[in-house]
Protein backbone atom coordinates (compact mmCIF):
# COMPACT_ATOMS: atom_id res chain seq x y z
CA MET A 1 81.92 -43.86 -41.83
CA SER A 2 81.93 -46.81 -39.39
CA GLN A 3 83.65 -50.03 -38.65
CA ASP A 4 80.97 -52.57 -38.27
CA ASN A 5 81.74 -55.43 -36.05
CA GLN A 6 85.31 -54.13 -35.42
CA GLU A 7 86.91 -52.42 -32.69
CA LYS A 8 87.04 -48.47 -32.86
CA ILE A 9 90.08 -46.76 -33.88
CA ARG A 10 91.55 -45.36 -30.76
CA LEU A 11 93.13 -41.70 -31.13
CA VAL A 12 95.16 -39.50 -29.06
CA LEU A 13 95.08 -35.80 -29.92
CA VAL A 14 98.18 -33.61 -29.25
CA ASP A 15 97.71 -29.70 -29.57
CA ASP A 16 98.53 -26.89 -27.32
CA HIS A 17 95.07 -25.39 -27.91
CA VAL A 18 92.38 -26.87 -25.69
CA VAL A 19 89.57 -25.38 -27.98
CA VAL A 20 91.21 -27.12 -31.00
CA ARG A 21 91.49 -30.48 -29.06
CA GLU A 22 87.88 -30.31 -27.91
CA GLY A 23 86.63 -29.35 -31.44
CA LEU A 24 88.38 -32.29 -32.80
CA ARG A 25 87.28 -34.60 -30.06
CA MET A 26 83.50 -33.89 -30.63
CA ILE A 27 83.88 -34.18 -34.31
CA LEU A 28 85.76 -37.45 -34.45
CA ASN A 29 83.66 -39.05 -31.63
CA LEU A 30 80.61 -38.49 -33.94
CA ASP A 31 82.09 -41.15 -36.06
CA ASP A 32 81.02 -44.64 -34.93
CA GLY A 33 84.25 -46.12 -35.78
CA LEU A 34 86.44 -43.57 -33.93
CA GLU A 35 87.13 -42.83 -30.24
CA VAL A 36 89.40 -40.24 -28.75
CA ILE A 37 91.01 -41.85 -25.78
CA GLY A 38 93.34 -39.09 -24.75
CA GLN A 39 94.69 -35.63 -25.25
CA ALA A 40 98.04 -33.68 -24.62
CA SER A 41 99.02 -30.09 -24.77
CA ASN A 42 102.64 -30.53 -25.93
CA GLY A 43 104.85 -33.17 -27.49
CA GLN A 44 106.31 -34.22 -24.01
CA GLU A 45 102.89 -34.95 -22.67
CA GLY A 46 101.92 -36.53 -26.01
CA ILE A 47 104.70 -39.01 -25.67
CA ALA A 48 103.47 -39.76 -22.11
CA GLU A 49 99.85 -40.32 -23.37
CA VAL A 50 100.93 -42.64 -26.14
CA SER A 51 103.02 -44.62 -23.89
CA LYS A 52 100.24 -45.12 -21.35
CA LEU A 53 97.40 -45.48 -23.73
CA ARG A 54 98.72 -47.19 -26.92
CA PRO A 55 96.44 -45.56 -29.36
CA ASP A 56 96.07 -46.75 -33.01
CA VAL A 57 96.55 -43.28 -34.51
CA VAL A 58 97.95 -39.89 -33.17
CA LEU A 59 97.02 -36.54 -34.48
CA MET A 60 99.96 -34.29 -33.70
CA ASP A 61 100.21 -30.42 -34.00
CA LEU A 62 103.70 -29.33 -35.10
CA LYS A 63 104.26 -25.98 -33.27
CA MET A 64 103.86 -26.36 -29.60
CA PRO A 65 105.63 -25.23 -26.31
CA VAL A 66 107.92 -27.41 -24.19
CA MET A 67 108.45 -30.10 -27.07
CA ASP A 68 107.46 -29.57 -30.74
CA GLY A 69 105.43 -32.03 -32.75
CA VAL A 70 108.32 -33.10 -35.06
CA THR A 71 110.50 -34.11 -32.08
CA ALA A 72 107.59 -36.03 -30.46
CA ILE A 73 106.81 -37.83 -33.62
CA ARG A 74 110.46 -38.98 -33.95
CA GLU A 75 110.30 -40.10 -30.41
CA ILE A 76 106.96 -42.01 -30.73
CA LYS A 77 108.30 -43.70 -33.91
CA THR A 78 111.48 -44.85 -32.18
CA GLN A 79 109.59 -46.26 -29.18
CA PHE A 80 106.62 -47.52 -31.19
CA PRO A 81 107.56 -48.13 -34.87
CA ASP A 82 104.15 -49.60 -35.79
CA MET A 83 102.13 -46.51 -34.50
CA GLU A 84 100.58 -44.19 -37.09
CA LEU A 85 100.91 -40.61 -36.62
CA ILE A 86 99.37 -37.69 -38.67
CA ALA A 87 100.71 -34.06 -38.64
CA LEU A 88 97.77 -31.75 -38.12
CA THR A 89 98.76 -28.17 -38.36
CA SER A 90 97.54 -24.80 -39.38
CA VAL A 91 100.20 -23.94 -41.91
CA LEU A 92 101.71 -25.63 -44.79
CA GLU A 93 105.54 -24.92 -44.43
CA ASP A 94 108.00 -26.69 -46.81
CA LYS A 95 110.26 -27.40 -43.91
CA LEU A 96 107.71 -28.59 -41.52
CA VAL A 97 106.35 -31.10 -44.11
CA VAL A 98 109.66 -32.41 -44.84
CA ASP A 99 110.66 -32.60 -41.09
CA ALA A 100 107.47 -34.14 -40.12
CA VAL A 101 107.62 -37.06 -42.91
CA GLU A 102 111.16 -37.67 -42.20
CA ALA A 103 110.31 -38.02 -38.52
CA GLY A 104 107.85 -40.70 -39.53
CA ALA A 105 104.48 -39.07 -39.81
CA ALA A 106 102.08 -40.88 -42.13
CA GLY A 107 100.56 -37.68 -43.48
CA TYR A 108 100.33 -33.99 -43.25
CA LEU A 109 96.92 -32.24 -43.05
CA LEU A 110 95.87 -28.70 -42.45
CA LYS A 111 93.36 -27.85 -39.74
CA GLU A 112 91.11 -25.89 -41.78
CA GLY A 113 90.37 -28.97 -43.90
CA ASP A 114 87.03 -30.32 -43.80
CA SER A 115 86.17 -33.14 -41.25
CA GLU A 116 85.55 -35.77 -44.00
CA MET A 117 89.08 -35.30 -45.28
CA LEU A 118 90.51 -35.95 -41.65
CA ILE A 119 88.31 -38.73 -40.92
CA GLU A 120 89.35 -40.55 -44.25
CA ALA A 121 93.01 -39.86 -43.52
CA ILE A 122 92.54 -41.45 -40.06
CA TYR A 123 91.00 -44.60 -41.42
CA ALA A 124 93.68 -44.77 -44.25
CA ALA A 125 96.54 -44.34 -41.74
CA ASN A 126 95.09 -47.16 -39.50
CA ARG A 127 94.91 -49.58 -42.61
CA GLY A 128 98.55 -48.70 -43.16
CA GLU A 129 97.81 -46.72 -46.30
CA VAL A 130 100.06 -44.10 -47.64
CA ARG A 131 98.43 -40.78 -48.07
CA LEU A 132 100.08 -37.52 -48.95
CA HIS A 133 98.38 -34.10 -49.15
CA PRO A 134 98.31 -32.78 -52.82
CA ASP A 135 100.13 -29.50 -51.68
CA ALA A 136 102.86 -31.34 -49.90
CA LYS A 137 103.63 -33.99 -52.65
CA LYS A 138 106.08 -32.30 -54.86
CA ARG A 139 108.09 -30.76 -52.18
CA LEU A 140 108.35 -34.16 -50.34
CA SER A 141 109.47 -36.10 -53.49
CA ARG A 142 112.34 -33.47 -54.04
CA GLU A 143 113.32 -33.05 -50.51
CA ILE A 144 113.15 -36.38 -48.62
CA ARG A 145 116.53 -37.97 -48.51
CA THR A 146 116.94 -41.47 -47.92
CA PRO A 147 120.12 -42.56 -46.09
CA GLU A 148 122.17 -45.37 -47.59
CA MET A 149 120.55 -48.73 -47.85
CA ARG A 150 121.86 -51.11 -45.17
CA GLU A 151 121.06 -54.17 -47.53
CA SER A 152 119.61 -54.61 -50.84
CA LEU A 153 115.96 -55.57 -51.04
CA THR A 154 114.90 -59.11 -52.22
CA PRO A 155 112.61 -59.43 -55.21
CA ARG A 156 109.62 -60.30 -52.94
CA GLU A 157 110.52 -57.18 -50.82
CA THR A 158 110.71 -55.15 -53.86
CA ASP A 159 107.33 -56.41 -54.93
CA THR A 160 105.95 -55.61 -51.44
CA LEU A 161 107.30 -52.08 -51.59
CA ARG A 162 105.83 -51.43 -54.89
CA LEU A 163 102.38 -52.20 -53.53
CA VAL A 164 102.89 -50.27 -50.26
CA ALA A 165 103.87 -47.30 -52.28
CA LYS A 166 100.64 -47.66 -54.25
CA GLY A 167 98.63 -47.45 -51.04
CA HIS A 168 97.54 -51.01 -50.45
CA PRO A 169 97.10 -52.18 -46.87
CA ASN A 170 98.83 -55.40 -45.63
CA LYS A 171 95.77 -57.53 -46.13
CA GLU A 172 95.42 -56.76 -49.98
CA ILE A 173 99.28 -57.24 -50.48
CA ALA A 174 99.08 -60.61 -48.94
CA GLU A 175 96.15 -61.60 -51.09
CA GLU A 176 97.92 -60.28 -54.27
CA LEU A 177 101.26 -61.97 -53.56
CA GLY A 178 99.63 -65.27 -52.13
CA VAL A 179 101.19 -65.10 -48.74
CA SER A 180 100.01 -64.40 -45.22
CA GLU A 181 99.38 -61.12 -43.75
CA MET A 182 102.04 -61.82 -41.14
CA THR A 183 104.56 -62.49 -43.85
CA ILE A 184 103.73 -59.11 -45.37
CA LYS A 185 104.27 -57.24 -42.09
CA THR A 186 107.65 -58.98 -41.75
CA HIS A 187 108.50 -57.91 -45.39
CA VAL A 188 107.44 -54.15 -44.62
CA SER A 189 109.56 -54.32 -41.40
CA ASN A 190 112.44 -55.49 -43.30
CA ILE A 191 112.04 -52.93 -45.96
CA LEU A 192 111.97 -50.03 -43.59
CA SER A 193 114.95 -51.39 -41.61
CA LYS A 194 117.07 -52.01 -44.85
CA LEU A 195 116.14 -48.47 -46.26
CA ASN A 196 116.62 -46.88 -42.73
CA LEU A 197 113.28 -45.37 -42.91
CA GLN A 198 110.61 -44.78 -40.30
CA SER A 199 107.38 -44.86 -42.29
CA ARG A 200 105.50 -46.39 -45.18
CA THR A 201 105.06 -42.70 -46.50
CA GLN A 202 108.97 -42.55 -46.62
CA ALA A 203 108.90 -45.85 -48.36
CA ALA A 204 106.54 -44.56 -51.07
CA LEU A 205 108.56 -41.47 -51.65
CA PHE A 206 111.89 -43.75 -51.95
CA ALA A 207 109.89 -45.93 -54.52
CA LEU A 208 108.94 -42.96 -56.56
CA ARG A 209 112.42 -41.54 -56.56
CA GLU A 210 113.87 -44.88 -57.48
CA GLY A 211 111.29 -45.52 -60.31
CA ILE A 212 109.81 -48.37 -58.65
CA ILE A 213 106.45 -46.58 -59.19
CA GLY A 214 105.50 -43.67 -61.27
CA ILE A 215 104.25 -40.28 -60.23
CA GLU A 216 100.75 -41.19 -61.22
CA SER A 217 100.64 -43.59 -58.43
CA LEU A 218 101.13 -40.78 -55.67
CA GLU A 219 98.47 -38.63 -57.54
CA THR A 220 96.06 -41.48 -57.41
CA LEU A 221 96.56 -41.69 -53.60
CA GLU A 222 96.05 -37.99 -53.20
CA SER A 223 92.89 -38.12 -54.99
CA HIS A 224 91.23 -39.64 -51.90
CA LEU A 225 91.97 -36.35 -50.04
């Protein structure tokens, strides 16, 4: 996969095992559209690298010394709400899945998955699309708790949320609703603020639970992985 005539997607890798980081770096740099620009061995270092380099997407291990990945994801999303993070770990633990997504991760992948799955997830995250690992979906839809809404959504924000939850990037949503991409970005920001959420993934789960979309929509998204 490549991004012809477009800038490369800039990545930071955060994992306490240097062999894992180097392996990922070699695999990802083989793709013409991706570039690993930084690495870190724990969450604290990861926050510093992200602050310094401002990547497009961060791959974050969850179990690390000094600072774990969930804490780092939460801090990065607080400082940089628009940054996309993918939890990349060796185990599928219910609590880790829930904690990572509640912290603001756009996705949750296993390290033993194939490289095509990972690369596709990176491109999807960079487009602002929602992707959920099939094995994590049911647990997430049951366990994610949405705080009380600060304000009600407008009809246009509800339309935007429905399309966000179905995995459409901002450009496609703008075309479908007949507005500018900047307007959609504003709608998405307002939606997350009103729902007191950190990510589009959380917004999709909210839409599922509230009946704004059906379960088949999430299953369609997962078919990409």
